[in-house]
């Protein structure tokens, strides 16, 4: 008798448990989310056009300041860009080097004065902006200052200015 009662109770319990599982109403979610994302490609660019004078520098004695290139720098980075320009020497084998410094000024600005060249020769010159710029707004003029000796050793001197630009 115990076995029969236990069996009937077990069957009834199973039906109640199964029935309650089957009878539970389905719950629908009431919130959701959509993950969004995208990429903005950088449009950082630097164009440098020499003014014709860098290959025919006046190396007679005395300080010289002249524009050597027109630059166009563009970035869509809202923090702006940093331009780096090398400074160094005009050299000739067996001759005394002529050190030079560089400086960037706004397009069409008057030539800078000698005291504006404050970055030491041999140290990279940097020019930075703090905002993105529209096409044409990045036009700059690159100047150099150098001072050949009064009796500079005759011959052909050469040097270069390396320019690079990076987003801030």
Protein backbone atom coordinates (compact mmCIF):
# COMPACT_ATOMS: atom_id res chain seq x y z
CA UNK A 1 0.00 0.00 0.00
CA UNK A 2 2.84 2.32 0.83
CA UNK A 3 4.37 1.70 -2.59
CA UNK A 4 1.08 2.44 -4.37
CA UNK A 5 0.55 5.69 -2.38
CA UNK A 6 4.16 6.76 -2.96
CA UNK A 7 3.80 6.00 -6.71
CA UNK A 8 0.57 8.02 -7.01
CA UNK A 9 2.11 10.92 -5.03
CA UNK A 10 5.22 10.89 -7.22
CA UNK A 11 3.14 10.92 -10.40
CA UNK A 12 0.92 13.71 -9.05
CA UNK A 13 3.96 15.75 -7.95
CA UNK A 14 5.58 15.33 -11.35
CA UNK A 15 2.40 16.50 -13.09
CA UNK A 16 2.11 19.52 -10.80
CA UNK A 17 5.77 20.49 -11.37
CA UNK A 18 5.53 19.89 -15.12
CA UNK A 19 2.21 21.70 -15.25
CA UNK A 20 3.57 24.73 -13.42
CA UNK A 21 6.51 24.90 -15.82
CA UNK A 22 4.22 24.64 -18.78
CA UNK A 23 1.73 27.07 -17.31
CA UNK A 24 4.31 29.88 -16.71
CA UNK A 25 3.57 32.69 -19.16
CA UNK A 26 6.47 33.73 -21.48
CA UNK A 27 8.05 37.09 -20.57
CA UNK A 28 9.06 39.48 -23.38
CA UNK A 29 12.01 41.89 -22.96
CA UNK A 30 11.01 45.54 -22.86
CA UNK A 31 14.43 47.10 -23.51
CA UNK A 32 17.28 46.53 -25.96
CA UNK A 33 20.37 48.19 -27.35
CA UNK A 34 22.16 48.65 -30.66
CA UNK A 35 25.94 49.02 -30.70
CA UNK A 36 27.13 51.82 -32.97
CA UNK A 37 30.60 52.70 -34.21
CA UNK A 38 32.55 54.11 -37.09
CA UNK A 39 35.94 55.38 -38.16
CA UNK A 40 37.03 58.79 -39.40
CA UNK A 41 40.15 58.50 -41.52
CA UNK A 42 42.86 61.08 -40.98
CA UNK A 43 43.47 63.48 -43.83
CA UNK A 44 46.80 64.81 -42.61
CA UNK A 45 48.95 66.08 -45.46
CA UNK A 46 52.01 68.25 -46.07
CA UNK A 47 52.98 69.82 -49.37
CA UNK A 48 56.26 71.69 -49.67
CA UNK A 49 57.25 73.74 -52.72
CA UNK A 50 60.64 75.43 -52.73
CA UNK A 51 60.69 79.07 -53.74
CA UNK A 52 63.61 78.66 -56.14
CA UNK A 53 66.10 80.33 -53.82
CA UNK A 54 67.24 77.30 -51.78
CA UNK A 55 69.37 75.93 -54.59
CA UNK A 56 71.05 79.29 -55.23
CA UNK A 57 71.76 80.66 -51.75
CA UNK A 58 73.86 83.81 -51.44
CA UNK A 59 76.88 82.59 -49.46
CA UNK A 60 78.81 85.86 -49.42
CA UNK A 61 79.52 87.08 -45.90
CA UNK A 62 76.81 88.42 -43.63
CA UNK A 63 73.51 87.38 -42.15
CA UNK A 64 70.76 86.28 -44.54
CA UNK A 65 67.04 85.65 -43.94
CA UNK A 66 64.98 84.34 -46.81
CA UNK A 67 61.90 82.35 -47.63
CA UNK A 68 62.87 78.89 -48.88
CA UNK A 69 59.49 77.13 -49.24
CA UNK A 70 55.75 77.50 -49.40
CA UNK A 71 54.02 74.93 -47.20
CA UNK A 72 50.46 73.68 -47.22
CA UNK A 73 49.50 71.59 -44.22
CA UNK A 74 46.04 70.15 -43.77
CA UNK A 75 44.50 68.08 -41.00
CA UNK A 76 40.98 67.15 -40.00
CA UNK A 77 42.21 66.44 -36.44
CA UNK A 78 40.40 68.83 -34.11
CA UNK A 79 43.52 69.11 -31.90
CA UNK A 80 45.58 70.39 -34.84
CA UNK A 81 49.02 69.30 -35.99
CA UNK A 82 52.71 69.68 -35.18
CA UNK A 83 55.22 70.43 -37.91
CA UNK A 84 58.83 69.47 -37.25
CA UNK A 85 61.68 70.88 -39.35
CA UNK A 86 65.34 69.98 -39.12
CA UNK A 87 67.96 72.67 -38.65
CA UNK A 88 71.59 72.07 -39.34
CA UNK A 89 74.45 73.10 -41.55
CA UNK A 90 75.35 73.84 -45.11
CA UNK A 91 78.53 71.88 -45.59
CA UNK A 92 81.39 71.42 -48.01
CA UNK A 93 84.16 68.86 -47.73
CA UNK A 94 87.17 70.66 -46.31
CA UNK A 95 85.20 73.85 -45.59
CA UNK A 96 83.75 75.46 -42.51
CA UNK A 97 80.07 74.63 -42.09
CA UNK A 98 77.44 77.37 -42.23
CA UNK A 99 74.76 76.75 -39.61
CA UNK A 100 71.15 77.62 -40.32
CA UNK A 101 67.88 78.00 -38.44
CA UNK A 102 64.30 77.81 -39.72
CA UNK A 103 61.02 79.48 -38.83
CA UNK A 104 57.42 79.17 -40.05
CA UNK A 105 55.24 82.24 -40.52
CA UNK A 106 51.77 82.73 -41.96
CA UNK A 107 51.40 82.75 -45.71
CA UNK A 108 52.36 86.13 -47.15
CA UNK A 109 53.53 87.54 -43.81
CA UNK A 110 56.52 89.86 -43.77
CA UNK A 111 59.90 88.22 -43.35
CA UNK A 112 60.76 87.52 -39.71
CA UNK A 113 63.52 89.45 -37.96
CA UNK A 114 66.68 87.70 -36.79
CA UNK A 115 65.58 87.65 -33.14
CA UNK A 116 62.52 85.53 -34.07
CA UNK A 117 64.78 82.54 -34.81
CA UNK A 118 65.05 81.20 -31.25
CA UNK A 119 65.46 77.43 -31.73
CA UNK A 120 69.15 76.55 -31.63
CA UNK A 121 70.82 75.15 -34.73
CA UNK A 122 71.02 71.38 -34.56
CA UNK A 123 67.75 71.22 -32.58
CA UNK A 124 64.53 70.38 -34.38
CA UNK A 125 62.22 73.34 -34.87
CA UNK A 126 58.53 72.72 -34.13
CA UNK A 127 55.43 74.63 -35.08
CA UNK A 128 52.07 73.52 -33.67
CA UNK A 129 48.42 74.41 -34.12
CA UNK A 130 45.54 73.68 -31.77
CA UNK A 131 42.67 73.11 -34.20
CA UNK A 132 41.74 71.45 -37.47
CA UNK A 133 42.09 73.64 -40.52
CA UNK A 134 40.16 74.01 -43.75
CA UNK A 135 41.84 73.56 -47.11
CA UNK A 136 44.03 76.60 -47.70
CA UNK A 137 44.05 77.59 -44.03
CA UNK A 138 47.28 75.62 -43.56
CA UNK A 139 49.33 77.75 -45.96
CA UNK A 140 52.61 78.75 -44.31
CA UNK A 141 55.95 80.20 -45.39
CA UNK A 142 59.22 78.53 -44.34
CA UNK A 143 62.12 80.90 -43.74
CA UNK A 144 65.75 80.22 -42.95
CA UNK A 145 68.47 82.33 -41.34
CA UNK A 146 72.16 81.70 -41.94
CA UNK A 147 75.38 83.67 -41.68
CA UNK A 148 78.31 82.79 -43.93
CA UNK A 149 81.71 84.00 -42.81
CA UNK A 150 83.17 87.08 -44.48
CA UNK A 151 85.90 84.86 -45.95
CA UNK A 152 83.96 81.62 -46.41
CA UNK A 153 85.99 78.86 -48.09
CA UNK A 154 85.12 78.83 -51.80
CA UNK A 155 83.20 75.88 -53.20
CA UNK A 156 79.79 74.25 -53.32
CA UNK A 157 77.90 73.91 -50.05
CA UNK A 158 74.90 71.66 -49.54
CA UNK A 159 72.33 70.95 -46.87
CA UNK A 160 68.70 70.07 -46.47
CA UNK A 161 65.68 70.72 -44.32
CA UNK A 162 63.60 67.68 -43.47
CA UNK A 163 59.93 68.35 -42.76
CA UNK A 164 57.42 66.08 -41.05
CA UNK A 165 53.93 66.63 -39.73
CA UNK A 166 51.89 64.69 -37.17
CA UNK A 167 48.40 65.03 -35.75
CA UNK A 168 48.29 66.28 -32.16
